[in-house]
Structure formats: structure tokens, C-alpha cells
Amino acid sequence: MNKHVSPWSLIHEEELNLAERELYAFIAAVTELYGQDQVRLSAEDWLDELQLMVSPPRSKVQSCRAVTIAASVRLANRIKVSTNQTDQSQPRVSLKKSS
């Protein structure tokens, strides 16, 4: 019988509290820096990264911090792609003088 083990079941109560605080701080920072548009996707990224880290060889703090760093990388890539797409749609203006 193949059971799906939730990552939350692998984390003790103390670890869960630490993860909740880390996620809350991450979401607060994303909200302040990038607005509500990025909050849902960033929270999903954070939770996805947590699920990828099922084996906890690191300390509790390092594990949560690693999840936040990985989710931040996803956010940065998403912002970069979004900015590049916006930049490409803008007309290019040359500041060179015509002779």
C-alpha cells in the first residue's frame, strides 16, 4: 500500500511553529516589496520547496531558511521574466543625435 506522507507530518510541533514564522516573514516581505500580486504564487513556491526538503539533515532553522531562499529564487526569476517581457513590449528609443 503506497501512502502519501505529508511533509507536515514529518515536522514536530516546534518545527511547525518555526516554519509558520518563517513563512509569515517571507509573505510579509513579498507583500511589502512586490505587492499582493506576488503573494499567492510566492506562498505556493515556499510550500512547494518545503515539500522538496523531506529529509532534514540540517538544523530546523537552516531548513526553513533554505526553503525561504529557494522560494526567493523562484520569485526573483518570476519578477525577472515579467520585467523582461514588459521591457520587450516597450518601444526602444534611441538618444543618438542624427547627423
Protein backbone atom coordinates (compact mmCIF):
# COMPACT_ATOMS: atom_id res chain seq x y z
CA MET A 1 0.00 0.00 0.00
CA ASN A 2 1.51 3.31 -1.10
CA LYS A 3 0.79 6.11 1.34
CA HIS A 4 1.46 9.75 0.58
CA VAL A 5 3.29 11.21 3.57
CA SER A 6 2.65 14.89 4.11
CA PRO A 7 5.75 16.92 4.91
CA TRP A 8 3.79 18.44 7.77
CA SER A 9 3.51 15.04 9.44
CA LEU A 10 7.31 14.82 9.43
CA ILE A 11 7.72 18.08 11.29
CA HIS A 12 7.25 18.25 15.04
CA GLU A 13 5.22 21.00 16.67
CA GLU A 14 8.28 23.16 17.37
CA GLU A 15 9.44 22.82 13.79
CA LEU A 16 5.94 23.63 12.58
CA ASN A 17 5.92 26.84 14.63
CA LEU A 18 9.31 27.79 13.21
CA ALA A 19 8.13 27.06 9.67
CA GLU A 20 4.98 29.13 10.21
CA ARG A 21 7.02 32.11 11.45
CA GLU A 22 9.43 31.81 8.52
CA LEU A 23 6.59 31.60 6.00
CA TYR A 24 4.82 34.57 7.62
CA ALA A 25 8.01 36.67 7.47
CA PHE A 26 8.56 35.68 3.83
CA ILE A 27 4.99 36.60 2.86
CA ALA A 28 5.23 39.91 4.73
CA ALA A 29 8.44 40.77 2.86
CA VAL A 30 6.97 39.80 -0.51
CA THR A 31 3.86 41.88 0.22
CA GLU A 32 5.93 44.92 1.17
CA LEU A 33 8.35 44.67 -1.74
CA TYR A 34 6.21 43.34 -4.59
CA GLY A 35 2.57 43.76 -3.55
CA GLN A 36 -0.34 41.37 -3.41
CA ASP A 37 0.16 40.17 -7.00
CA GLN A 38 3.13 38.01 -5.98
CA VAL A 39 1.94 36.82 -2.56
CA ARG A 40 -0.12 33.78 -3.56
CA LEU A 41 2.46 32.47 -6.02
CA SER A 42 5.30 33.07 -3.59
CA ALA A 43 3.48 31.28 -0.77
CA GLU A 44 2.84 28.33 -3.09
CA ASP A 45 6.54 28.35 -4.06
CA TRP A 46 7.52 28.31 -0.38
CA LEU A 47 5.25 25.36 0.36
CA ASP A 48 6.50 23.52 -2.76
CA GLU A 49 10.09 23.99 -1.64
CA LEU A 50 9.20 22.72 1.82
CA GLN A 51 7.80 19.54 0.28
CA LEU A 52 11.03 19.06 -1.67
CA MET A 53 13.00 19.06 1.58
CA VAL A 54 11.66 15.88 3.11
CA SER A 55 14.91 14.72 4.67
CA PRO A 56 16.02 17.11 7.42
CA PRO A 57 19.81 16.74 7.65
CA ARG A 58 20.09 20.43 8.56
CA SER A 59 19.04 22.17 11.72
CA LYS A 60 15.45 23.36 11.93
CA VAL A 61 16.41 26.98 11.34
CA GLN A 62 18.65 26.14 8.38
CA SER A 63 15.93 24.02 6.78
CA CYS A 64 13.32 26.78 6.97
CA ARG A 65 15.87 29.33 5.82
CA ALA A 66 16.80 27.10 2.86
CA VAL A 67 13.11 26.85 1.92
CA THR A 68 12.81 30.65 2.04
CA ILE A 69 15.94 31.10 -0.05
CA ALA A 70 14.71 28.64 -2.68
CA ALA A 71 11.29 30.33 -2.81
CA SER A 72 13.01 33.72 -3.10
CA VAL A 73 14.96 32.46 -6.10
CA ARG A 74 11.70 31.42 -7.74
CA LEU A 75 10.23 34.86 -7.01
CA ALA A 76 13.30 36.62 -8.42
CA ASN A 77 13.12 34.54 -11.59
CA ARG A 78 9.42 35.26 -11.96
CA ILE A 79 9.99 39.01 -11.46
CA LYS A 80 12.91 38.97 -13.91
CA VAL A 81 10.87 37.21 -16.60
CA SER A 82 7.94 39.55 -16.00
CA THR A 83 10.22 42.60 -16.22
CA ASN A 84 11.91 41.31 -19.38
CA GLN A 85 8.55 40.73 -21.04
CA THR A 86 7.43 44.25 -20.11
CA ASP A 87 10.71 45.74 -21.35
CA GLN A 88 10.42 43.94 -24.67
CA SER A 89 6.93 45.27 -25.25
CA GLN A 90 8.10 48.85 -24.73
CA PRO A 91 9.33 50.69 -27.83
CA ARG A 92 13.05 51.33 -27.89
CA VAL A 93 14.04 54.97 -28.18
CA SER A 94 17.46 55.97 -29.36
CA LEU A 95 19.06 59.02 -27.80
CA LYS A 96 21.63 59.38 -30.57
CA LYS A 97 21.57 62.63 -32.50
CA SER A 98 21.01 62.42 -36.19
CA SER A 99 23.80 63.93 -38.30
